[in-house]
Protein backbone atom coordinates (compact mmCIF):
# COMPACT_ATOMS: atom_id res chain seq x y z
CA MET A 1 61.45 33.57 -40.73
CA LYS A 2 58.56 35.44 -42.43
CA ILE A 3 56.43 34.03 -45.17
CA GLU A 4 57.37 35.59 -48.63
CA ALA A 5 56.92 34.99 -52.42
CA ILE A 6 59.20 32.07 -53.58
CA GLU A 7 60.54 34.49 -56.25
CA THR A 8 61.68 37.01 -53.54
CA ILE A 9 63.49 34.47 -51.42
CA LYS A 10 65.28 33.14 -54.53
CA LYS A 11 66.38 36.64 -55.51
CA ARG A 12 67.88 37.32 -52.16
CA TYR A 13 70.39 34.33 -52.79
CA GLU A 14 70.62 34.35 -56.40
CA ARG A 15 74.08 35.96 -56.63
CA ARG A 16 75.49 33.41 -54.26
CA ARG A 17 74.05 30.58 -55.97
CA GLU A 18 72.85 29.10 -52.76
CA TRP A 19 70.69 26.01 -52.41
CA LEU A 20 67.54 26.89 -50.50
CA LEU A 21 65.08 24.81 -48.26
CA ILE A 22 61.63 26.37 -48.21
CA GLN A 23 58.45 25.35 -46.39
CA VAL A 24 55.68 25.95 -48.99
CA THR A 25 52.72 27.88 -47.48
CA LYS A 26 50.88 28.50 -50.63
CA MET A 27 50.96 26.65 -53.91
CA ASP A 28 49.15 26.80 -57.23
CA GLU A 29 47.48 23.33 -57.04
CA SER A 30 46.57 23.25 -60.88
CA THR A 31 50.22 23.43 -61.62
CA THR A 32 51.89 22.37 -58.35
CA THR A 33 54.01 25.49 -58.36
CA PRO A 34 55.09 26.82 -55.02
CA LEU A 35 54.13 30.41 -54.66
CA ARG A 36 54.87 31.54 -51.15
CA GLY A 37 56.90 30.06 -48.31
CA ARG A 38 59.19 30.40 -45.28
CA LEU A 39 63.00 29.90 -45.68
CA LEU A 40 64.14 27.09 -43.49
CA ALA A 41 67.81 26.86 -44.57
CA HIS A 42 70.23 28.01 -47.09
CA SER A 43 73.90 27.04 -48.12
CA PRO A 44 76.25 27.04 -51.01
CA HIS A 45 76.44 23.30 -50.36
CA ARG A 46 73.41 21.15 -51.44
CA TYR A 47 74.19 18.39 -49.10
CA GLU A 48 73.85 20.79 -45.99
CA VAL A 49 70.34 21.64 -47.12
CA TYR A 50 69.31 18.09 -47.50
CA GLU A 51 70.82 17.34 -43.96
CA LYS A 52 68.56 20.00 -42.66
CA LEU A 53 65.57 18.51 -44.76
CA GLN A 54 66.12 15.14 -42.66
CA HIS A 55 65.07 17.07 -39.59
CA VAL A 56 61.88 18.78 -41.02
CA ASN A 57 58.44 17.52 -39.97
CA ARG A 58 57.38 15.36 -42.86
CA VAL A 59 53.79 16.63 -42.71
CA ILE A 60 54.86 20.24 -44.10
CA ARG A 61 55.50 20.70 -47.83
CA THR A 62 59.03 21.60 -48.55
CA TYR A 63 60.83 22.75 -51.79
CA VAL A 64 64.58 22.59 -52.47
CA THR A 65 65.96 24.73 -55.12
CA CYS A 66 68.95 26.53 -56.34
CA ALA A 67 68.52 30.23 -56.09
CA SER A 68 70.30 30.84 -59.49
CA ASP A 69 68.56 29.98 -62.80
CA GLU A 70 71.93 28.44 -63.92
CA LEU A 71 72.57 25.24 -61.86
CA PRO A 72 76.04 24.78 -60.51
CA LYS A 73 78.59 22.96 -62.69
CA GLY A 74 77.84 19.16 -62.53
CA TYR A 75 74.24 19.36 -61.79
CA ALA A 76 71.10 18.56 -64.08
CA ALA A 77 67.41 19.12 -63.70
CA ALA A 78 64.86 16.70 -64.77
CA PHE A 79 61.14 17.47 -65.15
């Protein structure tokens, strides 16, 4: 997969509310916000994305997120 803006990747899967596993290639270091990356996996099921994450090289930065701004029912976010 090619390197793209994180928002571009999220918009592609937004309507399907899929979970995304992204290799982060550029990050705003002052805010730790991922800016660009490469999509490694996507699925409507969060557990499938986390299964893929277990096989990713631990040296690379990864980002797991839901493509939609609304989390699926039963999920919460903490900051």
